[in-house]
Protein backbone atom coordinates (compact mmCIF):
# COMPACT_ATOMS: atom_id res chain seq x y z
CA MET A 1 -79.91 56.13 113.92
CA LEU A 2 -81.61 58.43 111.69
CA THR A 3 -80.23 59.38 108.47
CA VAL A 4 -81.30 61.90 105.83
CA THR A 5 -80.57 61.82 102.09
CA ASP A 6 -81.37 64.01 99.21
CA ASP A 7 -82.20 61.08 96.94
CA LEU A 8 -83.69 57.72 98.27
CA SER A 9 -83.23 56.30 94.83
CA PHE A 10 -79.52 56.63 95.18
CA LEU A 11 -79.79 54.72 98.69
CA ASP A 12 -81.79 52.06 96.74
CA GLU A 13 -79.39 51.71 94.22
CA ASN A 14 -76.26 51.39 96.59
CA THR A 15 -78.12 49.23 99.46
CA THR A 16 -75.30 46.67 98.77
CA LEU A 17 -72.80 48.85 100.37
CA VAL A 18 -74.89 49.02 103.60
CA THR A 19 -75.49 45.21 103.54
CA ALA A 20 -71.71 44.71 103.18
CA LEU A 21 -71.53 46.23 106.77
CA GLY A 22 -73.81 43.51 108.00
CA TYR A 23 -77.09 45.20 107.89
CA GLU A 24 -80.21 43.57 106.61
CA ALA A 25 -82.10 45.71 104.07
CA LEU A 26 -85.77 45.80 104.93
CA GLY A 27 -87.16 48.50 102.52
CA GLU A 28 -89.88 50.77 103.83
CA PHE A 29 -90.75 48.27 106.68
CA GLY A 30 -94.10 49.86 107.31
CA ILE A 31 -93.36 53.27 106.89
CA PRO A 32 -93.71 55.15 103.57
CA GLU A 33 -90.70 56.56 102.08
CA ARG A 34 -88.46 55.14 104.82
CA ARG A 35 -85.56 52.82 103.93
CA TYR A 36 -84.95 50.62 106.96
CA PHE A 37 -81.86 48.71 107.86
CA ARG A 38 -80.96 46.65 110.98
CA LYS A 39 -77.97 44.72 112.26
CA ASN A 40 -78.03 41.74 114.69
CA ASN A 41 -75.31 40.32 116.80
CA CYS A 42 -74.42 36.71 116.86
CA ALA A 43 -77.33 35.71 119.15
CA GLY A 44 -79.79 37.38 116.71
CA LYS A 45 -80.55 40.48 118.87
CA HIS A 46 -80.98 43.72 117.11
CA THR A 47 -78.21 45.90 118.00
CA HIS A 48 -78.37 48.57 115.56
CA GLN A 49 -81.01 50.11 113.37
CA ILE A 50 -80.78 52.91 110.45
CA HIS A 51 -83.94 54.85 109.44
CA ALA A 52 -83.02 56.73 106.18
CA PHE A 53 -85.52 59.35 104.93
CA GLN A 54 -85.55 61.94 102.04
CA VAL A 55 -84.78 65.46 103.11
CA ASP A 56 -88.14 66.75 103.30
CA SER A 57 -90.09 63.87 104.94
CA PRO A 58 -92.49 64.73 107.81
CA HIS A 59 -91.36 61.46 109.42
CA ILE A 60 -88.12 63.12 110.51
CA THR A 61 -89.69 65.61 112.60
CA ARG A 62 -91.96 62.82 114.07
CA PHE A 63 -88.99 60.51 114.94
CA LEU A 64 -86.98 63.41 116.64
CA ALA A 65 -90.16 64.33 118.61
CA PHE A 66 -90.68 60.78 119.65
CA ARG A 67 -86.96 60.32 120.75
CA ASP A 68 -86.97 63.62 122.72
CA TYR A 69 -90.21 62.70 124.33
CA LEU A 70 -88.73 59.35 125.45
CA ILE A 71 -85.60 61.21 126.83
CA ALA A 72 -87.78 63.48 128.74
CA HIS A 73 -90.10 60.65 130.14
CA PRO A 74 -87.75 57.95 131.31
CA ALA A 75 -90.72 55.94 132.69
CA VAL A 76 -92.34 55.85 129.46
CA ALA A 77 -89.21 54.91 127.70
CA CYS A 78 -88.85 52.03 130.12
CA GLU A 79 -92.46 51.03 129.11
CA TYR A 80 -91.78 51.30 125.60
CA ASP A 81 -88.72 48.92 125.87
CA MET A 82 -90.23 46.20 128.08
CA PRO A 83 -91.32 44.18 125.10
CA SER A 84 -87.80 43.96 123.77
CA ILE A 85 -86.48 43.13 127.35
CA SER A 86 -89.16 40.30 127.64
CA LEU A 87 -88.37 39.11 124.11
CA GLN A 88 -84.66 38.30 124.88
CA GLN A 89 -85.89 35.42 126.87
CA CYS A 90 -88.02 34.14 124.02
CA SER A 91 -86.86 31.05 122.27
CA PRO A 92 -86.62 30.90 119.32
CA ARG A 93 -86.38 34.57 118.47
CA THR A 94 -87.97 35.16 115.12
CA SER A 95 -89.05 38.41 113.14
CA GLU A 96 -92.61 37.05 113.88
CA THR A 97 -92.20 36.98 117.55
CA THR A 98 -90.52 40.30 117.64
CA SER A 99 -93.40 41.96 115.70
CA ILE A 100 -95.86 40.49 118.12
CA ALA A 101 -93.94 41.37 121.15
CA LYS A 102 -93.63 45.01 119.80
CA ILE A 103 -97.42 45.44 119.49
CA PRO A 104 -97.79 47.01 123.07
CA SER A 105 -94.59 49.38 122.08
CA PHE A 106 -96.16 50.34 118.66
CA THR A 107 -99.35 51.20 120.53
CA THR A 108 -97.52 53.35 122.88
CA SER A 109 -95.64 55.13 120.32
CA THR A 110 -98.84 55.83 118.30
CA ARG A 111 -100.59 56.95 121.34
CA ILE A 112 -97.67 59.24 122.26
CA LEU A 113 -97.25 60.56 118.69
CA GLY A 114 -100.97 61.37 118.23
CA ALA A 115 -101.00 63.32 121.39
CA MET A 116 -98.12 65.15 120.37
CA GLU A 117 -99.70 66.18 117.06
CA LYS A 118 -102.59 67.25 118.84
CA GLY A 119 -100.56 69.46 121.30
CA LEU A 120 -101.77 67.49 124.16
CA ILE A 121 -98.43 66.41 125.39
CA THR A 122 -94.98 68.08 124.87
């Protein structure tokens, strides 16, 4: 889920309201000026994510463009999600194994976003 706020500091001051709903607050988590929250099921699988940005963040356009690209290209979307599918069979599942398994997805998303920004793909 992508959410937009007028004031990230207000969100920072009220993080406990989001964590009370079962989300883990992870701060920027690698993307400047983002607030990232995730929720896991009882098996530890990520089921929900919230990416929060200030209303004027250029990351909003990037996230929406990437989403739209994956919707328009189902084969790429499948490739992007494959590390997550493989990871479900991993034991034990930790944030470290998740990060390592997502490296191919991150590379894919970075490659796609770079090509989109250069106008090479739409």
